C-alpha atoms as a PDB file:
ATOM      1  CA  MET A   1       0.000   0.000   0.000  1.00  0.00           C
ATOM      2  CA  PRO A   2       1.599   3.347  -1.046  1.00  0.00           C
ATOM      3  CA  ARG A   3       2.056   6.099   1.481  1.00  0.00           C
ATOM      4  CA  LYS A   4      -0.121   9.168   1.141  1.00  0.00           C
ATOM      5  CA  ASN A   5       2.785  11.616   1.360  1.00  0.00           C
ATOM      6  CA  GLN A   6       4.924   9.855  -1.219  1.00  0.00           C
ATOM      7  CA  SER A   7       3.472  11.738  -4.165  1.00  0.00           C
ATOM      8  CA  LYS A   8       3.656  15.073  -2.355  1.00  0.00           C
ATOM      9  CA  GLN A   9       7.276  14.898  -1.218  1.00  0.00           C
ATOM     10  CA  LYS A  10       9.099  18.193  -1.520  1.00  0.00           C
ATOM     11  CA  SER A  11      12.375  18.260  -3.338  1.00  0.00           C
ATOM     12  CA  ARG A  12      15.228  19.873  -1.484  1.00  0.00           C
ATOM     13  CA  ARG A  13      16.159  23.280  -2.729  1.00  0.00           C
ATOM     14  CA  SER A  14      19.803  23.836  -3.518  1.00  0.00           C
ATOM     15  CA  TYR A  15      21.572  27.168  -3.320  1.00  0.00           C
ATOM     16  CA  ASP A  16      24.718  28.169  -5.172  1.00  0.00           C
ATOM     17  CA  ASP A  17      27.815  29.415  -3.360  1.00  0.00           C
ATOM     18  CA  GLU A  18      27.227  33.027  -4.394  1.00  0.00           C
ATOM     19  CA  PHE A  19      23.732  32.995  -2.881  1.00  0.00           C
ATOM     20  CA  LYS A  20      25.051  31.481   0.349  1.00  0.00           C
ATOM     21  CA  ALA A  21      27.829  34.073   0.524  1.00  0.00           C
ATOM     22  CA  GLU A  22      25.305  36.874   0.054  1.00  0.00           C
ATOM     23  CA  ALA A  23      23.116  35.513   2.852  1.00  0.00           C
ATOM     24  CA  VAL A  24      26.078  35.213   5.215  1.00  0.00           C
ATOM     25  CA  GLN A  25      27.253  38.704   4.311  1.00  0.00           C
ATOM     26  CA  MET A  26      23.835  40.098   5.185  1.00  0.00           C
ATOM     27  CA  LEU A  27      24.083  38.322   8.525  1.00  0.00           C
ATOM     28  CA  LEU A  28      27.557  39.743   9.136  1.00  0.00           C
ATOM     29  CA  ASP A  29      26.370  43.217   8.140  1.00  0.00           C
ATOM     30  CA  GLY A  30      24.032  43.203  11.109  1.00  0.00           C
ATOM     31  CA  HIS A  31      20.780  41.869   9.718  1.00  0.00           C
ATOM     32  CA  SER A  32      19.027  39.373  11.935  1.00  0.00           C
ATOM     33  CA  ALA A  33      18.918  35.794  10.731  1.00  0.00           C
ATOM     34  CA  GLN A  34      15.127  36.025  10.525  1.00  0.00           C
ATOM     35  CA  SER A  35      15.277  39.091   8.282  1.00  0.00           C
ATOM     36  CA  VAL A  36      17.785  37.336   5.984  1.00  0.00           C
ATOM     37  CA  VAL A  37      15.467  34.323   5.781  1.00  0.00           C
ATOM     38  CA  ASP A  38      12.459  36.527   5.038  1.00  0.00           C
ATOM     39  CA  ARG A  39      14.218  38.634   2.412  1.00  0.00           C
ATOM     40  CA  LEU A  40      15.822  35.753   0.552  1.00  0.00           C
ATOM     41  CA  GLY A  41      13.050  33.182   0.954  1.00  0.00           C
ATOM     42  CA  ILE A  42      15.214  30.610   2.712  1.00  0.00           C
ATOM     43  CA  SER A  43      13.594  27.782   4.664  1.00  0.00           C
ATOM     44  CA  GLY A  44      14.997  28.609   8.122  1.00  0.00           C
ATOM     45  CA  THR A  45      17.478  30.475  10.265  1.00  0.00           C
ATOM     46  CA  ASN A  46      19.436  27.309  11.073  1.00  0.00           C
ATOM     47  CA  LEU A  47      20.449  27.091   7.444  1.00  0.00           C
ATOM     48  CA  VAL A  48      21.895  30.618   7.443  1.00  0.00           C
ATOM     49  CA  TYR A  49      23.826  29.950  10.646  1.00  0.00           C
ATOM     50  CA  ARG A  50      25.188  26.696   9.171  1.00  0.00           C
ATOM     51  CA  TRP A  51      26.385  28.554   6.071  1.00  0.00           C
ATOM     52  CA  LYS A  52      28.049  31.157   8.278  1.00  0.00           C
ATOM     53  CA  LYS A  53      29.802  28.468  10.306  1.00  0.00           C
ATOM     54  CA  LEU A  54      31.053  26.753   7.141  1.00  0.00           C
ATOM     55  CA  GLN A  55      32.314  29.995   5.610  1.00  0.00           C
ATOM     56  CA  LEU A  56      34.140  30.960   8.792  1.00  0.00           C
ATOM     57  CA  ALA A  57      35.704  27.485   8.960  1.00  0.00           C
ATOM     58  CA  GLU A  58      36.883  27.838   5.362  1.00  0.00           C
ATOM     59  CA  ALA A  59      38.381  31.246   6.152  1.00  0.00           C
ATOM     60  CA  GLY A  60      40.463  29.667   8.910  1.00  0.00           C
ATOM     61  CA  PRO A  61      41.911  31.679  11.794  1.00  0.00           C
ATOM     62  CA  VAL A  62      41.262  34.994  10.056  1.00  0.00           C
ATOM     63  CA  GLY A  63      37.541  34.266   9.839  1.00  0.00           C
ATOM     64  CA  GLU A  64      37.382  33.228  13.475  1.00  0.00           C
ATOM     65  CA  THR A  65      39.231  36.375  14.516  1.00  0.00           C
ATOM     66  CA  LEU A  66      36.896  38.580  12.498  1.00  0.00           C
ATOM     67  CA  ASP A  67      33.827  36.845  13.890  1.00  0.00           C
ATOM     68  CA  SER A  68      35.002  37.232  17.479  1.00  0.00           C
ATOM     69  CA  ARG A  69      35.837  40.900  16.824  1.00  0.00           C
ATOM     70  CA  VAL A  70      32.355  41.483  15.420  1.00  0.00           C
ATOM     71  CA  GLN A  71      30.849  39.917  18.536  1.00  0.00           C
ATOM     72  CA  GLU A  72      32.998  42.153  20.767  1.00  0.00           C
ATOM     73  CA  LEU A  73      31.969  45.253  18.855  1.00  0.00           C
ATOM     74  CA  GLU A  74      28.293  44.318  18.987  1.00  0.00           C
ATOM     75  CA  ALA A  75      28.541  43.870  22.777  1.00  0.00           C
ATOM     76  CA  GLU A  76      30.293  47.231  23.102  1.00  0.00           C
ATOM     77  CA  LEU A  77      27.632  48.869  20.942  1.00  0.00           C
ATOM     78  CA  ARG A  78      24.872  47.518  23.184  1.00  0.00           C
ATOM     79  CA  ARG A  79      26.718  48.849  26.255  1.00  0.00           C
ATOM     80  CA  VAL A  80      27.174  52.304  24.716  1.00  0.00           C
ATOM     81  CA  GLU A  81      23.507  52.401  23.670  1.00  0.00           C
ATOM     82  CA  ARG A  82      22.475  51.609  27.257  1.00  0.00           C
ATOM     83  CA  GLU A  83      24.742  54.409  28.536  1.00  0.00           C
ATOM     84  CA  ARG A  84      23.252  56.809  26.002  1.00  0.00           C
ATOM     85  CA  ASP A  85      19.725  55.911  27.089  1.00  0.00           C
ATOM     86  CA  VAL A  86      20.618  56.542  30.736  1.00  0.00           C
ATOM     87  CA  LEU A  87      22.098  59.926  29.853  1.00  0.00           C
ATOM     88  CA  LYS A  88      18.997  60.867  27.871  1.00  0.00           C
ATOM     89  CA  LYS A  89      16.816  60.026  30.862  1.00  0.00           C
ATOM     90  CA  ALA A  90      19.107  62.037  33.149  1.00  0.00           C
ATOM     91  CA  LEU A  91      18.811  65.066  30.851  1.00  0.00           C
ATOM     92  CA  VAL A  92      15.024  64.823  30.996  1.00  0.00           C
ATOM     93  CA  ILE A  93      15.042  64.556  34.792  1.00  0.00           C
ATOM     94  CA  PHE A  94      17.480  67.421  35.322  1.00  0.00           C
ATOM     95  CA  GLY A  95      15.737  69.508  32.693  1.00  0.00           C
ATOM     96  CA  ARG A  96      12.494  69.373  34.694  1.00  0.00           C
ATOM     97  CA  GLN A  97      14.123  70.680  37.872  1.00  0.00           C
ATOM     98  CA  GLU A  98      15.152  74.030  36.393  1.00  0.00           C
END
């Protein structure tokens, strides 16, 4: 007896290296994985992260160094944004007292 889903099986989509590189570059440029998936019509965020991991592995130590530097800079950016927000609130508070 044939299975019901056999005739409706989806074929796996394949992506060329240029497409994968573009997706990873978008991720490295600061786009969220979800926005990359939505814009490019990819099946899921795990796929984009896997491509990123493979590209960084192919780049060797330089790729790992760049990735860690990007992570450091993103953490520093978040810290500076928090400081800015605190200063904005302080200006509002002190501005009311005058």
